[in-house]
Protein backbone atom coordinates (compact mmCIF):
# COMPACT_ATOMS: atom_id res chain seq x y z
CA MET A 1 84.95 78.29 138.18
CA CYS A 2 82.77 81.22 136.45
CA ALA A 3 85.78 83.74 137.58
CA THR A 4 88.44 81.44 135.76
CA GLY A 5 87.20 79.52 132.98
CA LEU A 6 88.31 76.26 134.31
CA ASP A 7 86.49 73.32 135.38
CA ARG A 8 86.19 71.35 139.03
CA ALA A 9 89.00 68.80 138.01
CA ALA A 10 91.12 71.61 136.76
CA LEU A 11 91.07 73.46 140.05
CA LEU A 12 91.51 70.62 142.15
CA ALA A 13 94.87 69.36 140.08
CA HIS A 14 96.52 72.70 140.61
CA PRO A 15 95.34 74.12 144.37
CA GLU A 16 98.53 76.51 144.54
CA ARG A 17 97.09 78.34 141.52
CA LEU A 18 96.39 81.85 141.90
CA LEU A 19 93.69 84.18 140.75
CA SER A 20 95.04 87.03 138.23
CA GLU A 21 93.47 90.53 138.85
CA ASP A 22 90.55 89.89 135.95
CA GLU A 23 89.71 86.59 137.72
CA GLN A 24 89.93 88.28 140.94
CA ASN A 25 87.21 90.66 139.86
CA ARG A 26 85.04 88.88 137.99
CA TYR A 27 84.81 86.83 141.35
CA ARG A 28 83.82 90.02 143.34
CA ALA A 29 81.33 90.69 140.49
CA ALA A 30 80.10 87.40 141.06
CA LEU A 31 79.90 87.68 144.72
CA GLY A 32 77.99 90.95 144.48
CA ARG A 33 74.88 89.54 141.92
CA ARG A 34 74.48 86.96 144.56
CA GLY A 35 74.54 89.61 147.08
CA ARG A 36 71.67 90.87 145.90
CA PHE A 37 70.14 87.31 145.53
CA GLU A 38 70.46 87.09 141.49
CA PRO A 39 70.21 83.61 141.45
CA ILE A 40 73.39 81.25 141.18
CA GLN A 41 72.48 79.63 137.72
CA TYR A 42 72.41 82.84 135.90
CA ILE A 43 75.72 84.05 137.31
CA LEU A 44 77.25 80.74 136.27
CA GLY A 45 74.95 80.94 133.03
CA GLU A 46 74.24 77.22 132.81
CA ARG A 47 71.66 74.70 134.74
CA GLU A 48 71.58 70.79 134.78
CA PHE A 49 68.44 69.26 133.96
CA TYR A 50 67.75 65.74 133.04
CA GLY A 51 71.34 64.90 132.77
CA LEU A 52 72.11 67.66 130.53
CA ARG A 53 73.39 70.88 131.19
CA PHE A 54 71.44 74.25 129.44
CA LEU A 55 72.36 77.77 128.53
CA VAL A 56 70.33 79.67 130.86
CA THR A 57 70.00 83.70 131.20
CA PRO A 58 67.12 85.94 132.81
CA ASP A 59 65.32 85.59 129.60
CA VAL A 60 64.30 82.27 130.54
CA LEU A 61 63.25 80.24 133.66
CA ILE A 62 65.65 78.56 135.55
CA PRO A 63 64.82 74.55 135.06
CA ARG A 64 63.87 72.73 137.93
CA PRO A 65 64.03 69.23 139.67
CA GLU A 66 60.28 69.18 139.37
CA THR A 67 59.95 69.46 135.71
CA GLU A 68 62.11 66.37 135.12
CA HIS A 69 58.53 64.29 136.40
CA LEU A 70 56.86 66.12 133.14
CA VAL A 71 60.02 64.73 131.13
CA GLU A 72 59.79 60.93 132.70
CA ALA A 73 56.30 61.05 132.12
CA ALA A 74 56.14 61.94 128.68
CA LEU A 75 59.30 59.27 127.87
CA GLU A 76 57.00 56.39 129.57
CA ARG A 77 54.46 57.24 126.54
CA ILE A 78 56.54 57.91 123.39
CA PRO A 79 57.82 55.37 121.41
CA VAL A 80 61.69 54.51 120.70
CA ASP A 81 60.99 52.41 117.73
CA ARG A 82 58.92 54.88 114.96
CA PRO A 83 58.44 58.91 114.73
CA PHE A 84 56.44 60.56 116.94
CA GLU A 85 55.11 64.56 116.68
CA ILE A 86 55.62 66.50 119.55
CA ALA A 87 54.61 70.55 120.57
CA ASP A 88 56.11 71.73 123.70
CA VAL A 89 54.17 74.89 124.41
CA GLY A 90 56.33 77.58 126.28
CA THR A 91 59.41 75.85 125.56
CA GLY A 92 61.65 78.27 127.29
CA SER A 93 65.39 77.30 127.68
CA GLY A 94 64.44 74.21 125.53
CA ALA A 95 64.90 72.24 128.54
CA ILE A 96 62.04 69.38 128.22
CA ALA A 97 62.22 69.72 124.18
CA VAL A 98 65.68 68.94 123.91
CA ALA A 99 65.62 66.55 126.90
CA LEU A 100 63.01 64.55 124.69
CA ALA A 101 64.75 64.56 121.79
CA VAL A 102 67.91 63.40 123.12
CA ALA A 103 66.03 60.57 124.98
CA ARG A 104 64.07 59.68 121.73
CA PRO A 105 66.02 59.76 118.36
CA LEU A 106 63.09 59.55 115.81
CA ALA A 107 60.87 62.05 117.57
CA ARG A 108 60.31 65.55 116.28
CA ILE A 109 59.56 68.50 118.32
CA ALA A 110 58.01 71.70 117.85
CA ALA A 111 59.13 74.05 120.61
CA LEU A 112 57.01 77.39 120.83
CA ASP A 113 57.68 80.45 123.09
CA ILE A 114 55.71 83.61 123.15
CA SER A 115 59.56 85.48 123.69
CA ALA A 116 62.02 85.50 120.71
CA ALA A 117 64.59 86.26 123.19
CA ALA A 118 64.10 82.52 125.21
CA LEU A 119 63.85 80.76 121.37
CA GLU A 120 67.55 82.53 120.90
CA ILE A 121 68.56 80.37 123.85
CA ALA A 122 66.59 77.15 123.29
CA ARG A 123 68.09 76.70 119.83
CA LYS A 124 71.39 77.37 121.25
CA ASN A 125 70.56 74.57 123.67
CA ALA A 126 69.12 72.48 120.90
CA ALA A 127 72.21 72.69 118.63
CA ALA A 128 74.96 71.71 121.77
CA HIS A 129 73.24 68.63 122.21
CA GLY A 130 72.90 67.85 118.88
CA VAL A 131 69.26 67.92 118.07
CA GLY A 132 68.59 71.30 116.29
CA GLU A 133 67.61 69.46 113.20
CA ARG A 134 64.79 67.71 114.93
CA VAL A 135 63.73 70.67 117.23
CA ARG A 136 61.03 73.15 115.40
CA PHE A 137 60.94 76.83 116.84
CA PHE A 138 58.26 79.09 116.48
CA GLU A 139 57.72 82.47 118.43
CA SER A 140 54.05 81.46 119.27
CA ASP A 141 51.31 82.45 121.99
CA LEU A 142 50.48 79.20 122.49
CA LEU A 143 49.59 76.83 119.57
CA GLY A 144 48.78 79.29 116.60
CA PRO A 145 51.46 78.76 113.99
CA VAL A 146 50.85 75.01 114.09
CA ARG A 147 47.29 75.01 113.96
CA TYR A 148 46.85 72.68 111.22
CA GLN A 149 49.55 70.04 112.20
CA ALA A 150 47.94 67.05 114.36
CA PHE A 151 50.53 65.88 116.85
CA ASP A 152 50.90 62.47 119.23
CA MET A 153 51.61 64.33 122.12
CA ILE A 154 52.08 68.19 123.75
CA VAL A 155 53.67 68.87 126.60
CA SER A 156 53.74 72.39 128.81
CA ASN A 157 55.25 73.67 131.64
CA PRO A 158 53.31 77.09 131.21
CA PRO A 159 52.72 79.66 133.65
CA TYR A 160 50.93 78.86 136.45
CA ILE A 161 51.16 81.02 139.66
CA ALA A 162 48.38 83.47 140.16
CA GLU A 163 49.56 86.91 140.65
CA ALA A 164 48.30 87.79 144.24
CA ASP A 165 51.21 84.80 144.86
CA ARG A 166 53.89 86.91 143.32
CA GLU A 167 54.99 88.01 147.26
CA THR A 168 55.21 84.55 148.58
CA LEU A 169 58.15 83.90 146.17
CA ASP A 170 61.58 84.12 147.18
CA ALA A 171 63.39 87.13 146.09
CA GLU A 172 65.71 85.55 144.08
CA VAL A 173 62.54 84.31 141.81
CA ARG A 174 60.39 87.10 142.01
CA GLU A 175 63.20 89.85 140.76
CA PHE A 176 64.94 87.98 138.19
CA GLU A 177 63.15 85.33 136.63
CA PRO A 178 60.79 86.64 133.79
CA ALA A 179 57.58 87.13 134.80
CA ARG A 180 55.42 86.40 132.09
CA ALA A 181 57.04 83.11 132.23
CA LEU A 182 55.68 82.50 135.52
CA PHE A 183 52.49 84.48 136.42
CA ALA A 184 49.59 83.55 134.30
CA GLY A 185 46.60 86.07 135.68
CA PRO A 186 44.00 86.23 138.72
CA SER A 187 43.66 82.78 139.15
CA GLY A 188 46.62 81.29 138.27
CA LEU A 189 44.57 78.86 135.42
CA GLU A 190 44.26 81.28 132.81
CA ILE A 191 47.02 79.47 130.24
CA TYR A 192 45.78 75.99 131.29
CA GLU A 193 41.92 77.66 130.14
CA ARG A 194 43.22 78.29 126.77
CA LEU A 195 45.55 75.49 126.05
CA ILE A 196 43.57 72.54 126.60
CA PRO A 197 41.13 73.36 124.13
CA GLN A 198 43.62 74.13 121.62
CA ALA A 199 45.15 70.54 122.63
CA PHE A 200 42.41 68.78 122.13
CA GLU A 201 41.92 69.94 118.31
CA ARG A 202 45.82 69.87 117.79
CA LEU A 203 46.05 65.88 119.09
CA ARG A 204 45.29 62.94 117.61
CA GLU A 205 42.88 60.43 118.62
CA GLY A 206 44.95 58.73 121.34
CA GLY A 207 47.42 61.46 121.56
CA TRP A 208 48.86 62.67 124.82
CA LEU A 209 48.60 65.98 127.34
CA LEU A 210 51.04 66.43 129.76
CA LEU A 211 50.98 69.89 131.55
CA GLU A 212 53.33 70.53 134.82
CA ILE A 213 50.70 71.89 137.43
CA GLY A 214 51.39 73.79 141.12
CA ALA A 215 50.60 72.77 144.69
CA GLY A 216 47.06 73.11 144.81
CA GLN A 217 45.89 73.06 141.35
CA GLU A 218 44.79 68.81 140.84
CA SER A 219 41.28 69.78 141.50
CA ALA A 220 40.86 72.28 138.77
CA LEU A 221 42.76 70.64 136.22
CA ARG A 222 40.35 67.53 136.67
CA ARG A 223 37.64 70.28 136.11
CA LEU A 224 39.25 71.54 133.41
CA LEU A 225 40.12 68.12 131.61
CA HIS A 226 37.11 66.60 132.83
CA ALA A 227 35.78 65.91 128.83
CA TRP A 228 38.92 63.89 128.12
CA GLY A 229 39.00 60.35 127.77
CA SER A 230 41.61 59.85 130.68
CA VAL A 231 43.30 61.74 133.12
CA GLY A 232 45.77 61.23 135.84
CA PHE A 233 48.55 62.89 138.00
CA VAL A 234 52.06 62.35 138.89
CA ASP A 235 53.51 63.29 141.95
CA ASP A 236 56.76 64.35 142.96
CA LEU A 237 59.16 63.65 145.67
CA GLN A 238 57.11 65.03 148.25
CA GLY A 239 53.85 63.63 146.90
CA ILE A 240 52.34 66.81 145.82
CA PRO A 241 50.84 66.27 142.42
CA ARG A 242 53.02 67.89 139.62
CA VAL A 243 51.95 66.62 136.46
CA ALA A 244 48.45 66.20 134.85
CA VAL A 245 48.65 63.38 132.31
CA ALA A 246 45.38 63.49 129.91
CA GLN A 247 44.66 61.15 127.04
CA ARG A 248 42.58 62.61 123.97
CA SER A 249 39.30 60.31 122.89
CA GLY A 250 35.75 61.47 122.57
CA PHE A 251 34.13 64.94 122.13
CA CYS A 252 35.77 68.14 124.30
CA SER A 253 33.70 71.09 124.30
CA LYS A 254 35.36 74.62 124.06
CA ASP A 255 32.86 76.07 126.79
CA GLU A 256 32.84 72.75 129.26
C-alpha cells in the first residue's frame, strides 16, 4: 500500500493490477528500509492508536498498545459533561492528547514537548482529527510554560529507560526511535523525579496525575509518590504495572 497509495480494499478489488516502474521502485526501497530494521510504522508513515490513525516519523516515538492503558485510565476520571483542563507532558506524536480530546469534547489540553519537530507532528495529528482548537502546543522541558495554569489532570508517557539498558532494546527501537524520548538517565527515574513535584504544584486539589511506567518501576514510583493523597497502579494485559495514578491532596514536599 505504501508503494501504490491505494488502500487494502482497492488492492483486493483489482488483483490483476500490475505495479508501475515507480511503484516497484518504492516497494523495493521500502523493503530495503525494513531490511535495515527500520520500524514498519516509519516506513508506512502512520500508526493506529486507540482506534485512531496517527502520522508518525522518526521525530516521534511510535505509539504503543501499552499506552492505551493510560488513555483508558484517564478517561475513567474525565467527566463527559463539563470542561476539564489537562496537560500532556512529552506529547510526542500527540497520540494521548488527541485520543483524550476526541473522546471528551469538553476537555482542553496543553500538549508539551521539548522537541519542536515532534510538536509539528502532533499539530498535524490534532488537525487531522478535528481537535486542533482544543489542543494547545508548547515547546517545553516539562511544565515550564504553563506554570501559572491550574489543571484537573496531568498525563505523561515520559522517557523512563535507564541508559544502562540501551543495549537490551530491539535494534529497531534503539537505532531508529528518538533517544531523548526513550532514555531518562542513569536510573530511568530522572524525569519522574522532576515531573512529580511540578505536577503537584500545577494540579488543582483533587486533580489527577497519570504516568506510564516501565516494567519493574512500581516500587520506585510508590516512593516518589508517597506524599500524595491516593496512589494506585494499572496493570497491562500481562499483569505488569504500567500506569501510576495519583490524586493530589495534602502537602507534597519537593525534598521528599
